[in-house]
Amino acid sequence: MEVVVILLLVVVFPLWIIFHYITKWKQMKGITAEDEASLGDLRSAADRLEERLRTMERIMDDEVPDWRSRHHDKL
């Protein structure tokens, strides 16, 4: 009986745990539909922010033509 318990503890259980986590790792390789949706939302937000920045730069170019050079001089 002791040999069976030792065999289980030394060989079977460690292999079982290793194969369990290998399987979990393989399942998590790709991105989920939820992750893909989140990435799409983030991309949309980034596109909107980029368009807002371009609009702000156009307004600043019209209102204060030399704003870029004054800003770069301070850096």
Protein backbone atom coordinates (compact mmCIF):
# COMPACT_ATOMS: atom_id res chain seq x y z
CA MET A 1 0.00 0.00 0.00
CA GLU A 2 2.83 2.39 0.81
CA VAL A 3 4.36 1.80 -2.62
CA VAL A 4 1.11 2.79 -4.34
CA VAL A 5 0.81 6.00 -2.31
CA ILE A 6 4.44 6.92 -2.97
CA LEU A 7 4.01 6.17 -6.69
CA LEU A 8 0.93 8.38 -6.82
CA LEU A 9 2.63 11.23 -4.98
CA VAL A 10 5.90 11.08 -6.88
CA VAL A 11 4.79 10.23 -10.42
CA VAL A 12 1.07 10.48 -11.11
CA PHE A 13 0.06 13.69 -9.31
CA PRO A 14 2.97 15.81 -10.62
CA LEU A 15 2.33 14.64 -14.18
CA TRP A 16 -1.38 15.29 -13.77
CA ILE A 17 -0.71 18.86 -12.61
CA ILE A 18 1.79 19.49 -15.40
CA PHE A 19 -0.57 18.23 -18.11
CA HIS A 20 -3.46 20.19 -16.59
CA TYR A 21 -1.55 23.48 -16.84
CA ILE A 22 -0.22 22.66 -20.32
CA THR A 23 -3.80 22.19 -21.46
CA LYS A 24 -4.87 25.47 -19.84
CA TRP A 25 -1.93 27.29 -21.45
CA LYS A 26 -2.84 25.97 -24.91
CA GLN A 27 -6.45 27.07 -24.46
CA MET A 28 -5.34 30.60 -23.62
CA LYS A 29 -3.03 31.03 -26.64
CA GLY A 30 -5.50 32.97 -28.77
CA ILE A 31 -7.46 36.06 -27.87
CA THR A 32 -11.08 35.67 -26.87
CA ALA A 33 -14.03 37.35 -28.53
CA GLU A 34 -14.29 39.63 -25.50
CA ASP A 35 -10.63 40.65 -25.87
CA GLU A 36 -11.16 41.30 -29.56
CA ALA A 37 -14.19 43.48 -28.82
CA SER A 38 -12.20 45.43 -26.22
CA LEU A 39 -9.39 45.98 -28.72
CA GLY A 40 -11.92 47.22 -31.27
CA ASP A 41 -13.37 49.65 -28.74
CA LEU A 42 -9.91 50.92 -27.84
CA ARG A 43 -9.06 51.36 -31.52
CA SER A 44 -12.25 53.37 -32.07
CA ALA A 45 -11.47 55.57 -29.07
CA ALA A 46 -7.92 56.13 -30.33
CA ASP A 47 -9.22 57.08 -33.78
CA ARG A 48 -11.67 59.58 -32.26
CA LEU A 49 -8.95 61.11 -30.10
CA GLU A 50 -6.62 61.38 -33.08
CA GLU A 51 -9.30 63.18 -35.09
CA ARG A 52 -9.94 65.56 -32.17
CA LEU A 53 -6.23 66.32 -31.96
CA ARG A 54 -6.06 67.07 -35.69
CA THR A 55 -9.08 69.36 -35.37
CA MET A 56 -7.50 71.16 -32.41
CA GLU A 57 -4.25 71.62 -34.33
CA ARG A 58 -6.14 73.06 -37.32
CA ILE A 59 -7.95 75.50 -35.03
CA MET A 60 -4.69 76.49 -33.35
CA ASP A 61 -3.02 76.96 -36.75
CA ASP A 62 -5.81 79.34 -37.77
CA GLU A 63 -6.01 81.25 -34.48
CA VAL A 64 -2.33 81.33 -33.42
CA PRO A 65 -0.13 80.65 -36.47
CA ASP A 66 3.19 80.45 -34.60
CA TRP A 67 1.99 78.30 -31.68
CA ARG A 68 4.09 75.33 -32.77
CA SER A 69 7.38 77.21 -32.81
CA ARG A 70 6.64 78.87 -29.43
CA HIS A 71 5.83 75.49 -27.92
CA HIS A 72 8.99 73.85 -29.25
CA ASP A 73 11.15 76.73 -27.99
CA LYS A 74 10.05 75.99 -24.42
CA LEU A 75 11.03 72.33 -24.68
